[in-house]
């Protein structure tokens, strides 16, 4: 795997030593080093192909956030990683809008190599180069403005509750994803991934959450076409119901009583259709085109996407969440939620729960029978479906 990696760091002695370590273990990776933002932009303007940019946060003339914003605008297909120390916590919130991943100082070549390897393994999910570039270029996905009003009111309340803040955030697909990206970034160095929104809110604290909401509010000024509001509301409602059903399926059928995995099932349920938000922005008249193909050819939504794009919202969403370094079980569930038999893992998992929940919530006749047979799960599936009474908010 040949990769061109541009490092931007004014402390040349430190970065040179780490780059040497990185290249020693990955001889086919090609490093390029610039000392500041203007030099980096000049280098990129020279029509040199760059796959990844790794920038320090603090630099003279132009900080890392400003640089990555410019890179995002001009070269959206470049993967953006920012490096910061713990004194930059306020800037970390801002960087979450523009960086795909956030790492902490000092440089750790081993951690950086692991992150890069995982990104490019996940990148193979998307064969469509245009969609790949659009997905990489997105910072925060569209959200319904009503969420921000609810959050702001709760945070300003004298008797505000972190539990209530978590409940409000959990009703929104894209904010949930971005918050989990932030808290699970290598910057915070957590030994174990956080998949519970309440845990994330508790860990980050009120001030960071308030800043997070402030910066996402800026994004909320982007106008969502009126024609899409009903589509988005249906998507929110469907995703919340799938999350609740997926958690119920996982708890009732998993051999292990791992509550963290049950939370993963809930989060994956919320995020399973996040790729549709990407496609709404990337493909003109996306929803109308897919629906027309569905009706004309009498095929499923998922199949119609393949007719139109050569890929689907599942792969697009999985790539985006993998790029944001969310836990593998969630990335896998989102990527394969329509066809779990294509996934490497053939055991009962979060993916199985989300796949079944999606089918049950939509009252769909289609279930990936090959996956169910691989699990020897057919009798349990019949029993579960016949006795299923989901506890969901109507």
Protein backbone atom coordinates (compact mmCIF):
# COMPACT_ATOMS: atom_id res chain seq x y z
CA UNK A 1 0.00 0.00 0.00
CA UNK A 2 1.80 3.13 -1.24
CA UNK A 3 0.79 6.21 0.71
CA UNK A 4 1.95 9.80 0.55
CA UNK A 5 1.78 11.41 3.99
CA UNK A 6 2.36 15.13 4.51
CA UNK A 7 3.53 16.10 8.01
CA UNK A 8 3.22 19.74 9.12
CA UNK A 9 5.28 20.49 12.23
CA UNK A 10 7.56 23.37 13.19
CA UNK A 11 9.57 21.22 15.62
CA UNK A 12 11.56 19.43 12.93
CA UNK A 13 13.81 17.45 15.25
CA UNK A 14 10.88 15.73 16.97
CA UNK A 15 8.87 14.97 13.85
CA UNK A 16 11.89 13.74 11.88
CA UNK A 17 12.67 11.12 14.55
CA UNK A 18 9.06 9.83 14.57
CA UNK A 19 8.85 9.81 10.78
CA UNK A 20 11.97 7.66 10.62
CA UNK A 21 10.35 5.15 12.99
CA UNK A 22 7.18 5.15 10.91
CA UNK A 23 9.00 4.60 7.63
CA UNK A 24 11.19 1.86 9.11
CA UNK A 25 8.09 -0.30 9.69
CA UNK A 26 6.31 0.83 6.49
CA UNK A 27 8.86 1.15 3.72
CA UNK A 28 6.20 1.80 1.07
CA UNK A 29 4.86 4.89 2.85
CA UNK A 30 6.31 8.14 1.55
CA UNK A 31 6.68 10.99 4.07
CA UNK A 32 6.91 14.68 3.22
CA UNK A 33 7.61 17.31 5.89
CA UNK A 34 6.78 21.02 5.90
CA UNK A 35 7.36 23.42 8.79
CA UNK A 36 4.12 25.45 8.70
CA UNK A 37 0.73 25.91 7.11
CA UNK A 38 1.73 28.20 4.21
CA UNK A 39 4.52 25.79 3.22
CA UNK A 40 2.06 22.87 3.32
CA UNK A 41 -0.43 24.69 1.06
CA UNK A 42 2.35 25.60 -1.38
CA UNK A 43 3.43 21.96 -1.44
CA UNK A 44 -0.14 20.79 -2.14
CA UNK A 45 -0.58 23.42 -4.84
CA UNK A 46 2.33 21.82 -6.71
CA UNK A 47 -0.03 19.05 -7.86
CA UNK A 48 1.67 16.51 -5.63
CA UNK A 49 -0.58 13.58 -4.69
CA UNK A 50 -1.14 13.39 -0.91
CA UNK A 51 -3.30 10.78 0.80
CA UNK A 52 -3.05 11.98 4.41
CA UNK A 53 -2.07 15.22 6.11
CA UNK A 54 -0.89 15.12 9.74
CA UNK A 55 -0.73 18.60 11.24
CA UNK A 56 0.30 19.96 14.61
CA UNK A 57 -2.32 22.16 16.27
CA UNK A 58 0.02 24.93 17.41
CA UNK A 59 2.14 26.52 14.72
CA UNK A 60 3.26 30.07 13.92
CA UNK A 61 1.46 32.02 11.17
CA UNK A 62 -1.35 29.48 10.74
CA UNK A 63 -2.67 26.99 13.31
CA UNK A 64 -3.62 23.42 12.46
CA UNK A 65 -7.37 24.08 12.40
CA UNK A 66 -7.02 26.91 9.88
CA UNK A 67 -4.74 24.78 7.73
CA UNK A 68 -7.03 21.74 7.74
CA UNK A 69 -10.03 23.95 6.93
CA UNK A 70 -8.19 25.16 3.82
CA UNK A 71 -7.18 21.60 2.94
CA UNK A 72 -10.78 20.44 3.37
CA UNK A 73 -12.03 23.14 0.98
CA UNK A 74 -9.40 22.65 -1.73
CA UNK A 75 -8.52 18.95 -1.38
CA UNK A 76 -11.51 17.18 0.21
CA UNK A 77 -10.20 13.72 -0.62
CA UNK A 78 -7.17 14.10 1.69
CA UNK A 79 -7.62 12.46 5.09
CA UNK A 80 -6.99 14.99 7.86
CA UNK A 81 -5.36 14.17 11.22
CA UNK A 82 -4.49 16.77 13.85
CA UNK A 83 -2.03 16.44 16.75
CA UNK A 84 -2.55 18.45 19.94
CA UNK A 85 -1.57 18.62 23.58
CA UNK A 86 -4.00 18.74 26.51
CA UNK A 87 -3.70 22.51 26.93
CA UNK A 88 -5.67 22.92 23.69
CA UNK A 89 -8.98 21.47 24.92
CA UNK A 90 -11.10 24.33 23.61
CA UNK A 91 -9.45 24.04 20.20
CA UNK A 92 -10.03 20.30 20.24
CA UNK A 93 -13.76 21.01 19.98
CA UNK A 94 -13.18 23.17 16.94
CA UNK A 95 -10.86 20.63 15.37
CA UNK A 96 -13.54 17.92 15.60
CA UNK A 97 -15.42 19.82 12.90
CA UNK A 98 -12.56 19.61 10.40
CA UNK A 99 -10.28 16.71 11.43
CA UNK A 100 -11.12 13.08 10.78
CA UNK A 101 -9.01 12.01 13.75
CA UNK A 102 -7.35 13.75 16.70
CA UNK A 103 -4.17 12.41 18.30
CA UNK A 104 -2.38 13.63 21.41
CA UNK A 105 1.17 14.88 21.71
CA UNK A 106 3.91 13.75 21.85
CA UNK A 107 3.92 11.94 18.52
CA UNK A 108 3.59 8.18 18.79
CA UNK A 109 4.56 6.56 15.49
CA UNK A 110 3.04 3.20 16.51
CA UNK A 111 -0.38 4.69 17.27
CA UNK A 112 -0.29 6.82 14.13
CA UNK A 113 0.59 3.80 11.98
CA UNK A 114 -2.31 1.79 13.47
CA UNK A 115 -4.74 4.61 12.72
CA UNK A 116 -3.54 4.96 9.13
CA UNK A 117 -3.70 1.20 8.50
CA UNK A 118 -7.28 1.01 9.78
CA UNK A 119 -8.40 4.01 7.74
CA UNK A 120 -7.19 2.49 4.49
CA UNK A 121 -8.56 -0.95 5.30
CA UNK A 122 -11.99 0.65 5.76
CA UNK A 123 -11.53 2.80 2.66
CA UNK A 124 -11.79 -0.36 0.54
CA UNK A 125 -15.53 -0.45 1.41
CA UNK A 126 -16.13 2.22 -1.23
CA UNK A 127 -15.36 1.52 -4.86
CA UNK A 128 -16.97 4.75 -6.11
CA UNK A 129 -14.20 7.40 -6.18
CA UNK A 130 -16.63 10.32 -6.38
CA UNK A 131 -18.51 9.20 -3.29
CA UNK A 132 -15.22 8.49 -1.54
CA UNK A 133 -14.09 12.08 -2.07
CA UNK A 134 -17.42 13.54 -0.98
CA UNK A 135 -17.53 11.40 2.17
CA UNK A 136 -13.97 12.32 3.11
CA UNK A 137 -14.73 16.00 2.62
CA UNK A 138 -17.66 16.09 5.02
CA UNK A 139 -17.06 17.45 8.53
CA UNK A 140 -20.45 17.37 10.22
CA UNK A 141 -23.59 15.90 8.67
CA UNK A 142 -26.93 17.74 8.48
CA UNK A 143 -29.17 17.73 11.53
CA UNK A 144 -32.62 19.05 12.37
CA UNK A 145 -32.32 22.50 13.97
CA UNK A 146 -34.85 21.64 16.68
CA UNK A 147 -32.17 19.56 18.42
CA UNK A 148 -30.04 22.60 19.10
CA UNK A 149 -32.90 24.52 20.66
CA UNK A 150 -33.60 21.60 23.02
CA UNK A 151 -29.94 21.21 23.98
CA UNK A 152 -29.38 24.91 24.51
CA UNK A 153 -32.48 25.18 26.69
CA UNK A 154 -31.38 22.19 28.77
CA UNK A 155 -27.81 23.45 29.23
CA UNK A 156 -29.07 26.89 30.28
CA UNK A 157 -31.53 25.45 32.78
CA UNK A 158 -30.68 25.89 36.48
CA UNK A 159 -31.62 22.25 37.08
CA UNK A 160 -30.08 20.78 33.95
CA UNK A 161 -29.38 17.05 33.84
CA UNK A 162 -26.53 15.30 32.02
CA UNK A 163 -28.85 12.35 31.58
CA UNK A 164 -31.36 14.61 29.83
CA UNK A 165 -28.58 16.11 27.67
CA UNK A 166 -27.60 12.57 26.64
CA UNK A 167 -31.21 11.71 25.81
CA UNK A 168 -31.53 14.78 23.59
CA UNK A 169 -28.26 14.06 21.75
CA UNK A 170 -29.27 10.41 21.25
CA UNK A 171 -32.28 11.48 19.18
CA UNK A 172 -30.01 12.78 16.41
CA UNK A 173 -27.95 10.55 14.12
CA UNK A 174 -25.19 12.92 13.01
CA UNK A 175 -24.61 14.62 16.39
CA UNK A 176 -24.44 11.21 18.06
CA UNK A 177 -21.80 10.12 15.56
CA UNK A 178 -19.74 13.31 15.88
CA UNK A 179 -19.81 13.26 19.69
CA UNK A 180 -18.65 9.63 19.74
CA UNK A 181 -15.91 10.52 17.25
CA UNK A 182 -14.71 13.25 19.61
CA UNK A 183 -14.74 11.28 22.87
CA UNK A 184 -13.14 8.19 21.29
CA UNK A 185 -10.37 10.11 19.58
CA UNK A 186 -6.83 9.13 20.52
CA UNK A 187 -6.47 12.62 22.03
CA UNK A 188 -8.30 11.49 25.15
CA UNK A 189 -6.40 8.20 25.24
CA UNK A 190 -9.22 6.08 26.67
CA UNK A 191 -8.32 2.44 27.30
CA UNK A 192 -11.78 1.37 26.14
CA UNK A 193 -14.11 2.89 23.55
CA UNK A 194 -17.16 4.78 24.84
CA UNK A 195 -20.40 3.89 23.05
CA UNK A 196 -22.88 5.27 25.59
CA UNK A 197 -23.89 8.87 24.97
CA UNK A 198 -24.51 9.42 28.69
CA UNK A 199 -20.98 8.18 29.46
CA UNK A 200 -19.59 10.46 26.75
CA UNK A 201 -21.44 13.48 28.15
CA UNK A 202 -20.30 12.64 31.70
CA UNK A 203 -16.68 12.18 30.59
CA UNK A 204 -16.48 15.37 28.54
CA UNK A 205 -18.31 17.55 31.06
CA UNK A 206 -20.67 20.48 30.73
CA UNK A 207 -18.20 23.04 29.38
CA UNK A 208 -16.99 20.88 26.53
CA UNK A 209 -20.53 19.80 25.66
CA UNK A 210 -21.62 23.44 25.65
CA UNK A 211 -18.75 24.31 23.29
CA UNK A 212 -19.56 21.30 21.16
CA UNK A 213 -23.17 22.43 20.80
CA UNK A 214 -22.02 25.96 19.99
CA UNK A 215 -19.86 24.84 17.08
CA UNK A 216 -22.47 22.49 15.72
CA UNK A 217 -24.96 25.36 15.90
CA UNK A 218 -22.80 27.17 13.36
CA UNK A 219 -23.25 24.23 11.03
CA UNK A 220 -27.00 24.20 11.62
CA UNK A 221 -27.28 27.46 9.68
CA UNK A 222 -26.92 25.39 6.49
CA UNK A 223 -30.38 25.24 4.98
CA UNK A 224 -32.00 21.84 4.51
CA UNK A 225 -34.26 21.85 1.43
CA UNK A 226 -37.92 21.86 2.46
CA UNK A 227 -38.55 18.80 0.30
CA UNK A 228 -36.20 16.75 2.48
CA UNK A 229 -37.59 17.62 5.91
CA UNK A 230 -40.18 14.84 5.90
CA UNK A 231 -37.58 12.39 4.58
CA UNK A 232 -35.18 13.33 7.39
CA UNK A 233 -37.83 13.12 10.09
CA UNK A 234 -38.83 9.66 8.89
CA UNK A 235 -35.15 8.68 8.93
CA UNK A 236 -34.69 9.93 12.52
CA UNK A 237 -37.79 8.09 13.73
CA UNK A 238 -36.85 4.86 11.95
CA UNK A 239 -33.29 4.96 13.31
CA UNK A 240 -34.41 5.49 16.90
CA UNK A 241 -36.84 2.57 16.69
CA UNK A 242 -34.20 0.31 15.13
CA UNK A 243 -31.82 1.25 17.97
CA UNK A 244 -34.31 0.23 20.63
CA UNK A 245 -35.26 -3.01 18.85
CA UNK A 246 -31.60 -3.91 18.17
CA UNK A 247 -30.70 -3.55 21.82
CA UNK A 248 -33.68 -5.72 22.81
CA UNK A 249 -32.68 -8.39 20.28
CA UNK A 250 -29.08 -8.36 21.46
CA UNK A 251 -29.94 -8.63 25.15
CA UNK A 252 -32.38 -11.51 24.56
CA UNK A 253 -30.17 -13.54 22.23
CA UNK A 254 -26.51 -12.90 22.99
CA UNK A 255 -24.76 -15.67 24.90
CA UNK A 256 -22.81 -13.14 26.89
CA UNK A 257 -24.54 -10.51 29.03
CA UNK A 258 -22.12 -7.76 28.00
CA UNK A 259 -23.98 -4.49 28.48
CA UNK A 260 -21.32 -2.59 26.53
CA UNK A 261 -22.15 -4.71 23.48
CA UNK A 262 -25.84 -4.02 24.04
CA UNK A 263 -25.03 -0.29 24.00
CA UNK A 264 -23.10 -0.86 20.76
CA UNK A 265 -26.24 -2.41 19.28
CA UNK A 266 -28.24 0.68 20.29
CA UNK A 267 -25.68 3.13 18.87
CA UNK A 268 -25.31 1.11 15.66
CA UNK A 269 -29.10 1.17 15.33
CA UNK A 270 -29.13 4.95 15.58
CA UNK A 271 -26.33 5.28 13.03
CA UNK A 272 -27.15 2.49 10.59
CA UNK A 273 -28.61 4.82 7.92
CA UNK A 274 -26.14 7.68 8.39
CA UNK A 275 -24.88 7.09 4.85
CA UNK A 276 -28.19 8.42 3.53
CA UNK A 277 -27.31 11.82 4.99
CA UNK A 278 -24.04 11.79 3.06
CA UNK A 279 -25.84 10.86 -0.15
CA UNK A 280 -28.46 13.58 0.32
CA UNK A 281 -25.62 16.08 0.07
CA UNK A 282 -23.49 14.25 -2.47
CA UNK A 283 -26.02 13.18 -5.09
CA UNK A 284 -28.50 15.66 -6.61
CA UNK A 285 -32.10 14.45 -6.15
CA UNK A 286 -30.75 11.29 -4.51
CA UNK A 287 -33.95 10.24 -2.72
CA UNK A 288 -36.22 10.84 -5.71
CA UNK A 289 -33.93 8.93 -8.08
CA UNK A 290 -33.69 5.91 -5.77
CA UNK A 291 -37.45 5.83 -5.17
CA UNK A 292 -38.16 6.04 -8.91
CA UNK A 293 -35.86 3.07 -9.57
CA UNK A 294 -37.55 1.13 -6.74
CA UNK A 295 -40.99 1.65 -8.24
CA UNK A 296 -39.96 1.07 -11.86
CA UNK A 297 -37.94 -2.10 -11.26
CA UNK A 298 -39.82 -3.34 -8.17
CA UNK A 299 -36.63 -3.74 -6.14
CA UNK A 300 -35.56 -2.75 -2.63
CA UNK A 301 -34.16 0.65 -1.66
CA UNK A 302 -30.73 -0.94 -1.13
CA UNK A 303 -30.80 -2.57 -4.58
CA UNK A 304 -31.95 0.67 -6.20
CA UNK A 305 -28.94 2.50 -4.72
CA UNK A 306 -26.65 -0.02 -6.38
CA UNK A 307 -28.45 0.53 -9.68
CA UNK A 308 -27.91 4.27 -9.35
CA UNK A 309 -24.51 4.52 -7.67
CA UNK A 310 -22.73 1.18 -7.69
CA UNK A 311 -22.70 1.28 -3.89
CA UNK A 312 -25.18 1.95 -1.06
CA UNK A 313 -25.72 4.13 1.97
CA UNK A 314 -24.51 1.20 4.12
CA UNK A 315 -20.96 1.21 2.72
CA UNK A 316 -20.85 5.01 2.65
CA UNK A 317 -21.92 5.22 6.31
CA UNK A 318 -19.50 2.49 7.37
CA UNK A 319 -16.60 4.24 5.69
CA UNK A 320 -17.43 7.57 7.33
CA UNK A 321 -17.71 6.07 10.83
CA UNK A 322 -14.52 4.08 10.32
CA UNK A 323 -12.79 7.26 9.23
CA UNK A 324 -13.95 8.80 12.51
CA UNK A 325 -12.50 5.79 14.39
CA UNK A 326 -15.70 4.53 15.98
CA UNK A 327 -15.62 0.98 17.46
CA UNK A 328 -15.33 -1.83 14.93
CA UNK A 329 -18.59 -3.54 15.98
CA UNK A 330 -20.51 -0.36 15.11
CA UNK A 331 -18.66 0.19 11.82
CA UNK A 332 -19.30 -3.45 10.84
CA UNK A 333 -22.99 -3.26 11.73
CA UNK A 334 -23.52 -0.08 9.70
CA UNK A 335 -21.54 -1.35 6.69
CA UNK A 336 -23.26 -4.73 6.40
CA UNK A 337 -26.68 -4.09 7.95
CA UNK A 338 -28.48 -5.08 4.72
CA UNK A 339 -26.31 -8.11 3.91
CA UNK A 340 -24.63 -9.43 7.08
CA UNK A 341 -23.58 -12.65 5.30
CA UNK A 342 -20.94 -10.53 3.49
CA UNK A 343 -19.26 -9.58 6.78
CA UNK A 344 -16.11 -11.43 7.93
CA UNK A 345 -17.68 -12.29 11.32
CA UNK A 346 -20.21 -15.13 10.98
CA UNK A 347 -21.27 -15.27 14.65
CA UNK A 348 -24.23 -13.61 16.37
CA UNK A 349 -23.20 -10.01 16.87
CA UNK A 350 -24.28 -6.39 17.00
CA UNK A 351 -24.57 -6.63 13.21
CA UNK A 352 -27.13 -9.46 13.47
CA UNK A 353 -29.22 -7.46 15.94
CA UNK A 354 -29.23 -4.34 13.75
CA UNK A 355 -30.04 -6.32 10.59
CA UNK A 356 -33.05 -7.99 12.21
CA UNK A 357 -34.18 -4.78 13.91
CA UNK A 358 -34.11 -2.93 10.60
CA UNK A 359 -36.24 -5.62 8.95
CA UNK A 360 -38.71 -5.80 11.84
CA UNK A 361 -39.15 -2.05 12.18
CA UNK A 362 -39.95 -1.70 8.48
CA UNK A 363 -42.04 -4.89 8.45
CA UNK A 364 -39.78 -6.00 5.59
CA UNK A 365 -40.09 -9.53 4.20
CA UNK A 366 -36.36 -9.52 3.40
CA UNK A 367 -33.93 -11.07 5.88
CA UNK A 368 -30.46 -12.33 4.94
CA UNK A 369 -31.31 -16.03 5.27
CA UNK A 370 -27.73 -17.12 4.55
CA UNK A 371 -26.54 -15.20 7.62
CA UNK A 372 -29.33 -16.65 9.76
CA UNK A 373 -28.48 -20.18 8.59
CA UNK A 374 -24.80 -19.65 9.30
CA UNK A 375 -25.79 -18.89 12.90
CA UNK A 376 -28.18 -21.88 13.19
CA UNK A 377 -30.56 -19.16 14.33
CA UNK A 378 -33.66 -19.97 12.27
CA UNK A 379 -35.81 -21.40 15.08
CA UNK A 380 -34.93 -18.55 17.45
CA UNK A 381 -35.73 -16.05 14.70
CA UNK A 382 -39.18 -17.54 14.11
CA UNK A 383 -39.91 -17.52 17.85
CA UNK A 384 -38.64 -13.98 18.28
CA UNK A 385 -40.58 -12.54 15.34
CA UNK A 386 -43.82 -14.31 16.30
CA UNK A 387 -43.60 -13.03 19.88
CA UNK A 388 -42.08 -9.66 19.06
CA UNK A 389 -43.60 -6.64 20.82
CA UNK A 390 -41.06 -3.84 20.50
CA UNK A 391 -40.94 -1.22 23.23
CA UNK A 392 -40.46 1.86 21.09
CA UNK A 393 -41.60 5.43 21.31
CA UNK A 394 -44.34 6.08 18.79
